[in-house]
C-alpha atoms as a PDB file:
ATOM      1  CA  MET A   1      44.525 -66.620  12.125  1.00  0.00           C
ATOM      2  CA  TYR A   2      41.527 -68.742  13.077  1.00  0.00           C
ATOM      3  CA  LEU A   3      39.795 -68.958  16.449  1.00  0.00           C
ATOM      4  CA  LEU A   4      37.361 -71.863  16.696  1.00  0.00           C
ATOM      5  CA  ASP A   5      34.415 -72.525  19.009  1.00  0.00           C
ATOM      6  CA  VAL A   6      34.240 -69.056  20.502  1.00  0.00           C
ATOM      7  CA  VAL A   7      30.921 -69.642  22.263  1.00  0.00           C
ATOM      8  CA  ASP A   8      29.927 -69.606  25.900  1.00  0.00           C
ATOM      9  CA  GLY A   9      30.466 -73.064  27.380  1.00  0.00           C
ATOM     10  CA  ILE A  10      33.510 -73.734  25.190  1.00  0.00           C
ATOM     11  CA  LEU A  11      35.452 -70.463  25.264  1.00  0.00           C
ATOM     12  CA  PRO A  12      34.927 -69.458  27.997  1.00  0.00           C
ATOM     13  CA  GLU A  13      34.337 -72.954  29.285  1.00  0.00           C
ATOM     14  CA  LYS A  14      32.336 -71.670  32.246  1.00  0.00           C
ATOM     15  CA  VAL A  15      30.456 -68.397  32.107  1.00  0.00           C
ATOM     16  CA  LEU A  16      30.404 -66.667  35.459  1.00  0.00           C
ATOM     17  CA  THR A  17      27.007 -65.347  36.451  1.00  0.00           C
ATOM     18  CA  SER A  18      28.537 -62.990  38.982  1.00  0.00           C
ATOM     19  CA  MET A  19      32.122 -62.094  39.760  1.00  0.00           C
ATOM     20  CA  ASN A  20      31.000 -61.388  43.343  1.00  0.00           C
ATOM     21  CA  THR A  21      29.799 -64.940  44.008  1.00  0.00           C
ATOM     22  CA  ALA A  22      32.491 -66.793  42.026  1.00  0.00           C
ATOM     23  CA  SER A  23      35.432 -68.361  43.827  1.00  0.00           C
ATOM     24  CA  LYS A  24      38.951 -67.022  43.310  1.00  0.00           C
ATOM     25  CA  GLU A  25      39.776 -70.176  41.354  1.00  0.00           C
ATOM     26  CA  GLU A  26      36.779 -69.728  39.019  1.00  0.00           C
ATOM     27  CA  ILE A  27      37.663 -66.081  38.449  1.00  0.00           C
ATOM     28  CA  GLY A  28      41.291 -67.027  37.758  1.00  0.00           C
ATOM     29  CA  VAL A  29      40.316 -69.634  35.150  1.00  0.00           C
ATOM     30  CA  TYR A  30      37.855 -67.246  33.494  1.00  0.00           C
ATOM     31  CA  GLU A  31      40.383 -64.404  33.355  1.00  0.00           C
ATOM     32  CA  GLU A  32      43.042 -66.732  31.924  1.00  0.00           C
ATOM     33  CA  GLU A  33      40.649 -67.784  29.137  1.00  0.00           C
ATOM     34  CA  ARG A  34      39.899 -64.103  28.465  1.00  0.00           C
ATOM     35  CA  ARG A  35      43.640 -63.357  28.241  1.00  0.00           C
ATOM     36  CA  LEU A  36      44.191 -66.263  25.824  1.00  0.00           C
ATOM     37  CA  PHE A  37      41.330 -65.013  23.638  1.00  0.00           C
ATOM     38  CA  TYR A  38      42.780 -61.490  23.677  1.00  0.00           C
ATOM     39  CA  VAL A  39      46.247 -62.777  22.728  1.00  0.00           C
ATOM     40  CA  GLY A  40      44.768 -64.765  19.845  1.00  0.00           C
ATOM     41  CA  VAL A  41      42.870 -61.727  18.568  1.00  0.00           C
ATOM     42  CA  THR A  42      45.764 -59.291  18.865  1.00  0.00           C
ATOM     43  CA  ARG A  43      48.356 -61.618  17.280  1.00  0.00           C
ATOM     44  CA  ALA A  44      46.489 -61.908  13.981  1.00  0.00           C
ATOM     45  CA  LYS A  45      48.751 -60.267  11.405  1.00  0.00           C
ATOM     46  CA  ASN A  46      46.649 -60.043   8.259  1.00  0.00           C
ATOM     47  CA  GLN A  47      43.216 -61.438   8.968  1.00  0.00           C
ATOM     48  CA  LEU A  48      41.284 -62.792  11.921  1.00  0.00           C
ATOM     49  CA  ASN A  49      38.523 -65.365  11.468  1.00  0.00           C
ATOM     50  CA  ILE A  50      36.425 -66.165  14.520  1.00  0.00           C
ATOM     51  CA  PHE A  51      34.209 -69.215  14.146  1.00  0.00           C
ATOM     52  CA  ALA A  52      31.165 -69.247  16.353  1.00  0.00           C
ATOM     53  CA  THR A  53      27.617 -70.464  16.113  1.00  0.00           C
ATOM     54  CA  GLY A  54      24.435 -68.535  16.699  1.00  0.00           C
ATOM     55  CA  LYS A  55      24.951 -69.157  20.414  1.00  0.00           C
ATOM     56  CA  PRO A  56      26.034 -66.301  22.693  1.00  0.00           C
ATOM     57  CA  SER A  57      29.705 -65.470  23.071  1.00  0.00           C
ATOM     58  CA  ARG A  58      30.595 -63.193  25.949  1.00  0.00           C
ATOM     59  CA  PHE A  59      34.160 -62.738  24.684  1.00  0.00           C
ATOM     60  CA  CYS A  60      33.055 -61.776  21.152  1.00  0.00           C
ATOM     61  CA  ASN A  61      30.479 -59.395  22.570  1.00  0.00           C
ATOM     62  CA  GLU A  62      33.150 -57.739  24.704  1.00  0.00           C
ATOM     63  CA  LEU A  63      35.488 -57.466  21.736  1.00  0.00           C
ATOM     64  CA  LEU A  64      33.025 -56.234  19.125  1.00  0.00           C
ATOM     65  CA  GLU A  65      30.295 -54.406  20.966  1.00  0.00           C
ATOM     66  CA  LYS A  66      31.424 -53.163  24.358  1.00  0.00           C
ATOM     67  CA  ASN A  67      31.775 -49.417  24.645  1.00  0.00           C
ATOM     68  CA  ILE A  68      30.995 -48.689  21.003  1.00  0.00           C
ATOM     69  CA  SER A  69      28.831 -45.638  21.097  1.00  0.00           C
ATOM     70  CA  ALA A  70      26.702 -45.096  18.046  1.00  0.00           C
ATOM     71  CA  GLU A  71      28.177 -41.607  17.853  1.00  0.00           C
ATOM     72  CA  SER A  72      31.851 -42.697  17.694  1.00  0.00           C
ATOM     73  CA  TYR A  73      31.104 -45.395  15.134  1.00  0.00           C
ATOM     74  CA  GLN A  74      29.016 -43.047  13.003  1.00  0.00           C
ATOM     75  CA  LYS A  75      31.673 -40.314  13.181  1.00  0.00           C
ATOM     76  CA  LEU A  76      34.390 -42.683  11.997  1.00  0.00           C
ATOM     77  CA  SER A  77      32.141 -44.097   9.283  1.00  0.00           C
ATOM     78  CA  ASP A  78      31.203 -40.613   8.029  1.00  0.00           C
ATOM     79  CA  GLU A  79      34.822 -39.391   7.876  1.00  0.00           C
ATOM     80  CA  LEU A  80      36.126 -42.382   5.929  1.00  0.00           C
ATOM     81  CA  GLY A  81      36.013 -42.752   2.178  1.00  0.00           C
ATOM     82  CA  GLU A  82      38.104 -44.083  -0.675  1.00  0.00           C
ATOM     83  CA  GLY A  83      41.380 -42.211  -0.925  1.00  0.00           C
ATOM     84  CA  VAL A  84      41.310 -40.907   2.650  1.00  0.00           C
ATOM     85  CA  ILE A  85      44.693 -41.093   4.360  1.00  0.00           C
ATOM     86  CA  VAL A  86      44.538 -42.632   7.835  1.00  0.00           C
ATOM     87  CA  LYS A  87      47.000 -43.555  10.548  1.00  0.00           C
ATOM     88  CA  HIS A  88      46.562 -46.929  12.228  1.00  0.00           C
ATOM     89  CA  ARG A  89      48.037 -47.311  15.700  1.00  0.00           C
ATOM     90  CA  LYS A  90      49.941 -50.473  14.712  1.00  0.00           C
ATOM     91  CA  PHE A  91      50.374 -50.319  10.924  1.00  0.00           C
ATOM     92  CA  GLY A  92      51.067 -46.589  10.494  1.00  0.00           C
ATOM     93  CA  LYS A  93      49.902 -44.463   7.570  1.00  0.00           C
ATOM     94  CA  GLY A  94      47.626 -45.993   4.980  1.00  0.00           C
ATOM     95  CA  VAL A  95      45.086 -45.139   2.311  1.00  0.00           C
ATOM     96  CA  VAL A  96      41.478 -46.323   2.324  1.00  0.00           C
ATOM     97  CA  THR A  97      40.897 -48.353  -0.844  1.00  0.00           C
ATOM     98  CA  GLU A  98      37.370 -49.634  -0.247  1.00  0.00           C
ATOM     99  CA  ILE A  99      34.501 -49.560   2.229  1.00  0.00           C
ATOM    100  CA  GLU A 100      32.004 -52.410   2.155  1.00  0.00           C
ATOM    101  CA  GLY A 101      29.347 -52.161   4.844  1.00  0.00           C
ATOM    102  CA  GLU A 102      31.029 -52.499   8.239  1.00  0.00           C
ATOM    103  CA  HIS A 103      34.390 -53.448   6.715  1.00  0.00           C
ATOM    104  CA  ILE A 104      37.147 -51.298   5.295  1.00  0.00           C
ATOM    105  CA  ARG A 105      40.197 -52.060   3.190  1.00  0.00           C
ATOM    106  CA  ILE A 106      43.322 -50.003   3.834  1.00  0.00           C
ATOM    107  CA  ARG A 107      46.589 -50.152   1.902  1.00  0.00           C
ATOM    108  CA  PHE A 108      49.690 -49.871   4.073  1.00  0.00           C
ATOM    109  CA  GLY A 109      52.636 -49.721   1.668  1.00  0.00           C
ATOM    110  CA  ASP A 110      52.559 -52.983  -0.327  1.00  0.00           C
ATOM    111  CA  ASP A 111      50.084 -54.657   2.034  1.00  0.00           C
ATOM    112  CA  GLU A 112      46.287 -54.281   2.065  1.00  0.00           C
ATOM    113  CA  LYS A 113      44.263 -55.166   5.139  1.00  0.00           C
ATOM    114  CA  LYS A 114      40.534 -55.699   5.602  1.00  0.00           C
ATOM    115  CA  MET A 115      39.309 -54.460   8.987  1.00  0.00           C
ATOM    116  CA  ASP A 116      36.080 -54.205  10.944  1.00  0.00           C
ATOM    117  CA  LEU A 117      34.896 -50.621  11.509  1.00  0.00           C
ATOM    118  CA  LYS A 118      33.313 -51.502  14.867  1.00  0.00           C
ATOM    119  CA  VAL A 119      36.621 -52.818  16.186  1.00  0.00           C
ATOM    120  CA  LEU A 120      38.502 -49.797  14.854  1.00  0.00           C
ATOM    121  CA  ALA A 121      35.972 -47.438  16.487  1.00  0.00           C
ATOM    122  CA  ARG A 122      35.875 -49.280  19.816  1.00  0.00           C
ATOM    123  CA  LEU A 123      39.630 -49.482  20.181  1.00  0.00           C
ATOM    124  CA  GLY A 124      40.348 -46.067  18.693  1.00  0.00           C
ATOM    125  CA  LEU A 125      42.833 -47.574  16.259  1.00  0.00           C
ATOM    126  CA  LEU A 126      42.453 -45.062  13.419  1.00  0.00           C
ATOM    127  CA  GLU A 127      43.268 -41.370  13.178  1.00  0.00           C
ATOM    128  CA  ILE A 128      42.067 -39.380  10.192  1.00  0.00           C
END
């Protein structure tokens, strides 16, 4: 799956400076764009490619960075290694086949998936 132009000013079209001062209509539009982004991200079956520029992206920051404590990420990273059996919340049991930086490859039956460790840590998607 591909998501294009995920940058502030395009998606979301209008970045709210404050939810307290925004109108109900502005908040509604912003929340609808957030929901559409979330649906796009969560519907990716094998791989998700998000195309953005060097410009800020509030939605990407929320997805990839929000609530990731260095401790939870480090703990997950330290416990993983090739051959480790894991359980993914959606895909079930799998075996780690490779770790490359912040990405991990896990074999689930006949299918192998490449995943981002930050996303896995933030969302608590893996059990070891």
